[in-house]
Amino acid sequence: MIRTLRACACIVILLSTASLAVAAEPVDTAQSIIQNQIEAFLNDDAEAAYSFASPQIRQKFPDKSIFFEMVKRGYAPVYRPGNFAFGRSKVEGGTVVQEVLITGADGKDWTALYFLVRQPDGSYKINGVQILQQAPGPEI
């Protein structure tokens, strides 16, 4: 009887841990993608930065050079962050919204909301970024 209860308790713990891991996986994936794209910007690697863009973004900016220039001009805190840290995140269906708290090269604080969407192959791509000059960020 005690062994049966212990076995059941172990199964419940394993299932709980597995469900937490599954819930965290899209967030971990999103954070990795964001970090890799920011590193690509810091290294002036337009090709790598562009590789994280969703098909919808690629339609709007059909060339990596056009995309890179758009980010340089319109998203300077993302293009050249002084420091950044991940804030809150939210998973809804196939979309991950990830807050990124950024101190820009100019010393100003920014909040970037990244929107990543799951692709048919199961991967995630960045489908948009909204930046606001403030920290902490808005409700997500």
Protein backbone atom coordinates (compact mmCIF):
# COMPACT_ATOMS: atom_id res chain seq x y z
CA MET A 1 0.00 0.00 0.00
CA ILE A 2 2.76 2.46 0.95
CA ARG A 3 4.73 1.51 -2.16
CA THR A 4 1.63 2.12 -4.28
CA LEU A 5 1.14 5.56 -2.73
CA ARG A 6 4.80 6.42 -3.23
CA ALA A 7 4.63 5.26 -6.85
CA CYS A 8 1.51 7.37 -7.45
CA ALA A 9 3.15 10.37 -5.81
CA CYS A 10 6.22 9.95 -8.01
CA ILE A 11 4.06 9.75 -11.13
CA VAL A 12 2.16 12.91 -10.14
CA ILE A 13 5.45 14.74 -9.52
CA LEU A 14 6.89 13.57 -12.85
CA LEU A 15 3.75 14.60 -14.75
CA SER A 16 3.71 17.99 -13.03
CA THR A 17 7.36 18.57 -13.84
CA ALA A 18 6.82 17.49 -17.45
CA SER A 19 3.89 19.88 -17.90
CA LEU A 20 5.95 22.74 -16.48
CA ALA A 21 8.77 21.92 -18.89
CA VAL A 22 6.36 21.90 -21.84
CA ALA A 23 4.87 25.24 -20.73
CA ALA A 24 8.35 26.78 -20.36
CA GLU A 25 9.64 25.43 -23.68
CA PRO A 26 8.07 28.07 -25.99
CA VAL A 27 9.30 30.84 -23.66
CA ASP A 28 12.82 29.39 -23.53
CA THR A 29 12.80 29.03 -27.31
CA ALA A 30 11.54 32.61 -27.77
CA GLN A 31 14.20 34.01 -25.45
CA SER A 32 16.93 32.10 -27.27
CA ILE A 33 15.74 33.42 -30.64
CA ILE A 34 15.59 37.00 -29.36
CA GLN A 35 19.04 36.75 -27.81
CA ASN A 36 20.48 35.30 -31.02
CA GLN A 37 18.92 38.03 -33.13
CA ILE A 38 20.22 40.78 -30.85
CA GLU A 39 23.70 39.21 -31.01
CA ALA A 40 23.41 39.20 -34.82
CA PHE A 41 22.58 42.93 -34.74
CA LEU A 42 25.54 43.60 -32.47
CA ASN A 43 27.78 41.71 -34.90
CA ASP A 44 26.30 43.52 -37.94
CA ASP A 45 25.26 40.13 -39.30
CA ALA A 46 22.22 41.04 -41.43
CA GLU A 47 21.78 37.51 -42.75
CA ALA A 48 21.62 35.94 -39.29
CA ALA A 49 19.32 38.68 -37.94
CA TYR A 50 17.00 38.28 -40.93
CA SER A 51 16.85 34.49 -40.46
CA PHE A 52 14.76 34.98 -37.28
CA ALA A 53 12.07 37.02 -39.08
CA SER A 54 8.69 35.46 -39.81
CA PRO A 55 7.45 35.01 -43.37
CA GLN A 56 5.10 37.98 -42.81
CA ILE A 57 8.04 40.23 -41.92
CA ARG A 58 10.00 38.88 -44.88
CA GLN A 59 7.11 39.86 -47.17
CA LYS A 60 7.25 43.44 -45.88
CA PHE A 61 11.05 43.53 -46.08
CA PRO A 62 11.98 41.12 -48.89
CA ASP A 63 15.73 41.70 -48.59
CA LYS A 64 18.01 41.31 -45.58
CA SER A 65 19.62 44.71 -46.25
CA ILE A 66 16.26 46.51 -46.28
CA PHE A 67 15.28 44.71 -43.06
CA PHE A 68 18.59 45.57 -41.40
CA GLU A 69 18.30 49.27 -42.32
CA MET A 70 14.72 49.38 -41.01
CA VAL A 71 15.87 47.99 -37.65
CA LYS A 72 18.82 50.41 -37.49
CA ARG A 73 16.57 53.42 -38.09
CA GLY A 74 13.38 52.46 -36.29
CA TYR A 75 14.54 50.15 -33.51
CA ALA A 76 17.87 51.56 -32.34
CA PRO A 77 17.54 50.18 -28.77
CA VAL A 78 17.10 46.67 -30.20
CA TYR A 79 19.83 47.16 -32.80
CA ARG A 80 22.39 48.44 -30.28
CA PRO A 81 21.29 47.67 -26.74
CA GLY A 82 23.56 48.67 -23.88
CA ASN A 83 22.10 45.93 -21.68
CA PHE A 84 18.97 43.84 -21.89
CA ALA A 85 17.07 41.40 -19.71
CA PHE A 86 14.00 39.28 -20.24
CA GLY A 87 10.87 40.34 -18.40
CA ARG A 88 7.43 38.79 -18.39
CA SER A 89 6.17 36.41 -21.03
CA LYS A 90 2.84 35.10 -22.18
CA VAL A 91 1.98 32.10 -24.35
CA GLU A 92 -1.33 32.07 -26.20
CA GLY A 93 -1.80 29.24 -28.64
CA GLY A 94 0.97 29.51 -31.20
CA THR A 95 2.10 32.99 -30.13
CA VAL A 96 4.66 33.96 -27.51
CA VAL A 97 4.80 37.55 -26.28
CA GLN A 98 8.13 38.25 -24.59
CA GLU A 99 8.98 41.45 -22.76
CA VAL A 100 12.59 42.59 -23.07
CA LEU A 101 13.85 45.38 -20.84
CA ILE A 102 16.57 47.31 -22.63
CA THR A 103 18.96 50.05 -21.66
CA GLY A 104 19.84 51.71 -24.94
CA ALA A 105 23.28 52.87 -25.94
CA ASP A 106 22.06 56.37 -24.98
CA GLY A 107 21.33 55.22 -21.41
CA LYS A 108 17.55 55.45 -21.80
CA ASP A 109 15.34 52.58 -20.66
CA TRP A 110 13.08 50.86 -23.15
CA THR A 111 10.60 48.02 -23.12
CA ALA A 112 10.42 45.88 -26.24
CA LEU A 113 7.52 43.49 -26.71
CA TYR A 114 8.48 40.71 -29.08
CA PHE A 115 5.77 38.71 -30.81
CA LEU A 116 6.87 35.29 -31.97
CA VAL A 117 4.65 32.90 -33.90
CA ARG A 118 4.92 29.16 -34.28
CA GLN A 119 5.56 28.09 -37.86
CA PRO A 120 4.10 25.01 -39.58
CA ASP A 121 7.39 23.15 -38.94
CA GLY A 122 7.08 23.86 -35.18
CA SER A 123 9.80 26.52 -35.04
CA TYR A 124 9.17 30.08 -33.84
CA LYS A 125 9.90 33.26 -35.79
CA ILE A 126 9.75 36.93 -34.75
CA ASN A 127 6.59 38.45 -36.20
CA GLY A 128 6.92 41.94 -34.76
CA VAL A 129 8.43 44.13 -32.07
CA GLN A 130 6.87 47.06 -30.30
CA ILE A 131 9.19 49.35 -28.36
CA LEU A 132 8.24 51.89 -25.72
CA GLN A 133 10.52 54.27 -23.88
CA GLN A 134 9.81 53.16 -20.34
CA ALA A 135 10.51 50.41 -17.88
CA PRO A 136 8.99 48.26 -16.57
CA GLY A 137 6.78 47.46 -19.53
CA PRO A 138 3.05 47.46 -20.04
CA GLU A 139 0.78 44.56 -19.15
CA ILE A 140 1.19 41.73 -21.59
